[in-house]
Each structure stands twice: as C-alpha cells, then as structure tokens.
C-alpha cells in the first residue's frame, strides 16, 4: 500500500493549494498536514511546511507560522538557495518574507537582517 503514498500526498497537497488560494487557510493547513503524513521526500515536506506556515501567518498564528517556516528557510539556506524553477523561487521567496514578518510580529529581531538579505539570494539552477 505504501506505493500509493505519493499519490495520496499529491492529492492532499493539491486540495490544500486550492484552499490556500481560496483563502480558506484552516482547511489548507489541514490538507497540507495530511499531505505531510504521506510524503516520503524531504523536499515535498518542506514545500508543504511552506504553505502551512504561510497559512498560519495569514491567520495571525505567528508561533505556529514560525514553527513551520523556520525549517523551510533552513532547508533552502543549507542548499544555497538554489531552486529548480520560477514557481519554486516565488514560493520560497514568499515563505522567507512570511518568516521575516513573523519574526517581526513575535519580536525576534536578531535574525531579521540575515533573513532580509537572503530573500534576494534565491537562484534558479543547480547546486554546485
């Protein structure tokens, strides 16, 4: 049955994405949490964390937003902010902006300068 997990994860992520763009953030979070349970690839989970974090940000749940957005930021920082395409670049840029604004809201200003500089460091390409 495990061979179906990727498809199940994809289904929940697509429903989550639809709910996100409909601004139904609570439903989006629920769908992406389910997608995470079935995701086998770390990068897929990071992508889902991005939407969970941004949804929480829009719901003013800043502590939860930070919990999900910080691993997204760290993952891409560890990969030198290299992404595969423009869509992923936009998604990561929005995640890092949301993290920046989240940290401002929870008054954690010690990393703001570093994160602000990294927003523009995202590049399309391959890791060297």
C-alpha atoms as a PDB file:
ATOM      1  CA  UNK A   1       0.000   0.000   0.000  1.00  0.00           C
ATOM      2  CA  UNK A   2       2.985   2.286   0.547  1.00  0.00           C
ATOM      3  CA  UNK A   3       3.377   2.735  -3.201  1.00  0.00           C
ATOM      4  CA  UNK A   4       0.197   4.845  -3.160  1.00  0.00           C
ATOM      5  CA  UNK A   5       1.511   7.290  -0.555  1.00  0.00           C
ATOM      6  CA  UNK A   6       2.997   9.628  -3.147  1.00  0.00           C
ATOM      7  CA  UNK A   7      -0.341   9.909  -4.930  1.00  0.00           C
ATOM      8  CA  UNK A   8      -2.226  10.393  -1.677  1.00  0.00           C
ATOM      9  CA  UNK A   9       0.228  13.107  -0.646  1.00  0.00           C
ATOM     10  CA  UNK A  10      -0.144  14.786  -4.034  1.00  0.00           C
ATOM     11  CA  UNK A  11      -3.945  14.718  -3.768  1.00  0.00           C
ATOM     12  CA  UNK A  12      -3.954  16.364  -0.328  1.00  0.00           C
ATOM     13  CA  UNK A  13      -1.406  18.954  -1.448  1.00  0.00           C
ATOM     14  CA  UNK A  14      -3.494  19.911  -4.489  1.00  0.00           C
ATOM     15  CA  UNK A  15      -6.619  20.309  -2.358  1.00  0.00           C
ATOM     16  CA  UNK A  16      -4.536  22.289   0.144  1.00  0.00           C
ATOM     17  CA  UNK A  17      -3.262  24.559  -2.618  1.00  0.00           C
ATOM     18  CA  UNK A  18      -6.784  25.196  -3.854  1.00  0.00           C
ATOM     19  CA  UNK A  19      -7.928  26.062  -0.329  1.00  0.00           C
ATOM     20  CA  UNK A  20      -4.900  28.318   0.146  1.00  0.00           C
ATOM     21  CA  UNK A  21      -5.724  30.373  -2.951  1.00  0.00           C
ATOM     22  CA  UNK A  22      -9.367  30.497  -1.853  1.00  0.00           C
ATOM     23  CA  UNK A  23      -8.076  31.991   1.421  1.00  0.00           C
ATOM     24  CA  UNK A  24      -9.532  29.060   3.360  1.00  0.00           C
ATOM     25  CA  UNK A  25      -6.407  28.811   5.443  1.00  0.00           C
ATOM     26  CA  UNK A  26      -7.677  26.461   8.160  1.00  0.00           C
ATOM     27  CA  UNK A  27      -8.731  23.931   5.520  1.00  0.00           C
ATOM     28  CA  UNK A  28      -5.453  24.451   3.684  1.00  0.00           C
ATOM     29  CA  UNK A  29      -3.472  23.675   6.839  1.00  0.00           C
ATOM     30  CA  UNK A  30      -5.485  20.506   7.393  1.00  0.00           C
ATOM     31  CA  UNK A  31      -4.864  19.289   3.834  1.00  0.00           C
ATOM     32  CA  UNK A  32      -1.137  20.046   3.931  1.00  0.00           C
ATOM     33  CA  UNK A  33      -0.772  18.306   7.303  1.00  0.00           C
ATOM     34  CA  UNK A  34      -2.322  15.208   5.716  1.00  0.00           C
ATOM     35  CA  UNK A  35      -0.021  15.587   2.713  1.00  0.00           C
ATOM     36  CA  UNK A  36       2.978  15.649   5.087  1.00  0.00           C
ATOM     37  CA  UNK A  37       1.905  12.348   6.659  1.00  0.00           C
ATOM     38  CA  UNK A  38       2.115  10.617   3.292  1.00  0.00           C
ATOM     39  CA  UNK A  39       5.100  12.462   1.800  1.00  0.00           C
ATOM     40  CA  UNK A  40       8.264  10.425   1.587  1.00  0.00           C
ATOM     41  CA  UNK A  41      10.605  13.097   0.200  1.00  0.00           C
ATOM     42  CA  UNK A  42      12.026  15.763   2.472  1.00  0.00           C
ATOM     43  CA  UNK A  43      11.670  18.431  -0.214  1.00  0.00           C
ATOM     44  CA  UNK A  44       7.942  17.675  -0.544  1.00  0.00           C
ATOM     45  CA  UNK A  45       7.505  18.081   3.208  1.00  0.00           C
ATOM     46  CA  UNK A  46       9.398  21.380   3.082  1.00  0.00           C
ATOM     47  CA  UNK A  47       7.083  22.594   0.329  1.00  0.00           C
ATOM     48  CA  UNK A  48       4.044  21.599   2.411  1.00  0.00           C
ATOM     49  CA  UNK A  49       5.552  23.250   5.501  1.00  0.00           C
ATOM     50  CA  UNK A  50       5.830  26.424   3.439  1.00  0.00           C
ATOM     51  CA  UNK A  51       2.091  26.527   2.856  1.00  0.00           C
ATOM     52  CA  UNK A  52       1.250  25.510   6.424  1.00  0.00           C
ATOM     53  CA  UNK A  53       3.492  28.295   7.721  1.00  0.00           C
ATOM     54  CA  UNK A  54       2.130  30.929   5.367  1.00  0.00           C
ATOM     55  CA  UNK A  55      -1.452  29.893   6.135  1.00  0.00           C
ATOM     56  CA  UNK A  56      -0.754  30.247   9.847  1.00  0.00           C
ATOM     57  CA  UNK A  57       0.805  33.643   9.192  1.00  0.00           C
ATOM     58  CA  UNK A  58      -2.375  34.834   7.455  1.00  0.00           C
ATOM     59  CA  UNK A  59      -4.391  33.543  10.416  1.00  0.00           C
ATOM     60  CA  UNK A  60      -2.144  35.575  12.778  1.00  0.00           C
ATOM     61  CA  UNK A  61      -0.874  32.328  14.370  1.00  0.00           C
ATOM     62  CA  UNK A  62       2.688  33.601  14.415  1.00  0.00           C
ATOM     63  CA  UNK A  63       4.153  30.979  16.760  1.00  0.00           C
ATOM     64  CA  UNK A  64       2.821  28.176  14.532  1.00  0.00           C
ATOM     65  CA  UNK A  65       3.945  30.061  11.416  1.00  0.00           C
ATOM     66  CA  UNK A  66       7.489  30.296  12.776  1.00  0.00           C
ATOM     67  CA  UNK A  67       7.455  26.581  13.660  1.00  0.00           C
ATOM     68  CA  UNK A  68       6.832  25.688  10.005  1.00  0.00           C
ATOM     69  CA  UNK A  69       8.611  28.498   8.175  1.00  0.00           C
ATOM     70  CA  UNK A  70      11.943  28.224  10.000  1.00  0.00           C
ATOM     71  CA  UNK A  71      12.649  24.668   8.705  1.00  0.00           C
ATOM     72  CA  UNK A  72      11.771  25.867   5.181  1.00  0.00           C
ATOM     73  CA  UNK A  73      14.266  28.696   5.490  1.00  0.00           C
ATOM     74  CA  UNK A  74      16.977  26.455   6.964  1.00  0.00           C
ATOM     75  CA  UNK A  75      16.466  23.812   4.252  1.00  0.00           C
ATOM     76  CA  UNK A  76      16.946  26.293   1.445  1.00  0.00           C
ATOM     77  CA  UNK A  77      19.789  28.084   3.216  1.00  0.00           C
ATOM     78  CA  UNK A  78      21.586  24.729   3.508  1.00  0.00           C
ATOM     79  CA  UNK A  79      21.070  24.284  -0.241  1.00  0.00           C
ATOM     80  CA  UNK A  80      22.491  27.739  -1.043  1.00  0.00           C
ATOM     81  CA  UNK A  81      19.017  28.995  -2.025  1.00  0.00           C
ATOM     82  CA  UNK A  82      19.137  27.107  -5.330  1.00  0.00           C
ATOM     83  CA  UNK A  83      15.672  26.209  -6.662  1.00  0.00           C
ATOM     84  CA  UNK A  84      14.563  24.329  -9.781  1.00  0.00           C
ATOM     85  CA  UNK A  85      12.231  26.855 -11.403  1.00  0.00           C
ATOM     86  CA  UNK A  86      10.468  30.190 -11.156  1.00  0.00           C
ATOM     87  CA  UNK A  87       7.437  28.742  -9.403  1.00  0.00           C
ATOM     88  CA  UNK A  88       9.585  27.282  -6.632  1.00  0.00           C
ATOM     89  CA  UNK A  89      11.555  30.529  -6.455  1.00  0.00           C
ATOM     90  CA  UNK A  90       8.368  32.529  -5.903  1.00  0.00           C
ATOM     91  CA  UNK A  91       7.085  30.061  -3.298  1.00  0.00           C
ATOM     92  CA  UNK A  92      10.348  30.157  -1.341  1.00  0.00           C
ATOM     93  CA  UNK A  93      10.608  33.933  -1.586  1.00  0.00           C
ATOM     94  CA  UNK A  94       7.066  34.235  -0.180  1.00  0.00           C
ATOM     95  CA  UNK A  95       7.944  31.780   2.604  1.00  0.00           C
ATOM     96  CA  UNK A  96      11.040  33.727   3.586  1.00  0.00           C
ATOM     97  CA  UNK A  97       9.090  37.007   3.512  1.00  0.00           C
ATOM     98  CA  UNK A  98       6.431  35.424   5.725  1.00  0.00           C
ATOM     99  CA  UNK A  99       9.160  34.215   8.110  1.00  0.00           C
ATOM    100  CA  UNK A 100      10.655  37.713   8.200  1.00  0.00           C
ATOM    101  CA  UNK A 101       7.274  39.253   9.020  1.00  0.00           C
ATOM    102  CA  UNK A 102       6.511  36.506  11.534  1.00  0.00           C
ATOM    103  CA  UNK A 103       9.736  37.147  13.418  1.00  0.00           C
ATOM    104  CA  UNK A 104       8.906  40.855  13.481  1.00  0.00           C
ATOM    105  CA  UNK A 105       5.483  40.079  14.941  1.00  0.00           C
ATOM    106  CA  UNK A 106       6.880  37.815  17.695  1.00  0.00           C
ATOM    107  CA  UNK A 107       9.633  40.339  18.404  1.00  0.00           C
ATOM    108  CA  UNK A 108      12.567  38.091  17.433  1.00  0.00           C
ATOM    109  CA  UNK A 109      14.621  40.717  15.705  1.00  0.00           C
ATOM    110  CA  UNK A 110      18.047  39.065  15.993  1.00  0.00           C
ATOM    111  CA  UNK A 111      17.834  37.288  12.585  1.00  0.00           C
ATOM    112  CA  UNK A 112      15.858  39.848  10.603  1.00  0.00           C
ATOM    113  CA  UNK A 113      18.826  41.380   8.766  1.00  0.00           C
ATOM    114  CA  UNK A 114      20.169  37.969   7.729  1.00  0.00           C
ATOM    115  CA  UNK A 115      16.759  36.826   6.501  1.00  0.00           C
ATOM    116  CA  UNK A 116      16.091  40.089   4.642  1.00  0.00           C
ATOM    117  CA  UNK A 117      19.353  39.685   2.733  1.00  0.00           C
ATOM    118  CA  UNK A 118      18.529  36.072   1.892  1.00  0.00           C
ATOM    119  CA  UNK A 119      15.185  36.919   0.283  1.00  0.00           C
ATOM    120  CA  UNK A 120      17.017  38.039  -2.842  1.00  0.00           C
ATOM    121  CA  UNK A 121      19.608  35.234  -2.705  1.00  0.00           C
ATOM    122  CA  UNK A 122      17.296  32.606  -4.215  1.00  0.00           C
ATOM    123  CA  UNK A 123      18.525  31.474  -7.638  1.00  0.00           C
ATOM    124  CA  UNK A 124      17.242  29.092 -10.263  1.00  0.00           C
ATOM    125  CA  UNK A 125      19.799  26.452 -11.194  1.00  0.00           C
ATOM    126  CA  UNK A 126      21.667  23.506  -9.822  1.00  0.00           C
ATOM    127  CA  UNK A 127      23.749  23.262  -6.699  1.00  0.00           C
ATOM    128  CA  UNK A 128      27.473  23.417  -7.400  1.00  0.00           C
END
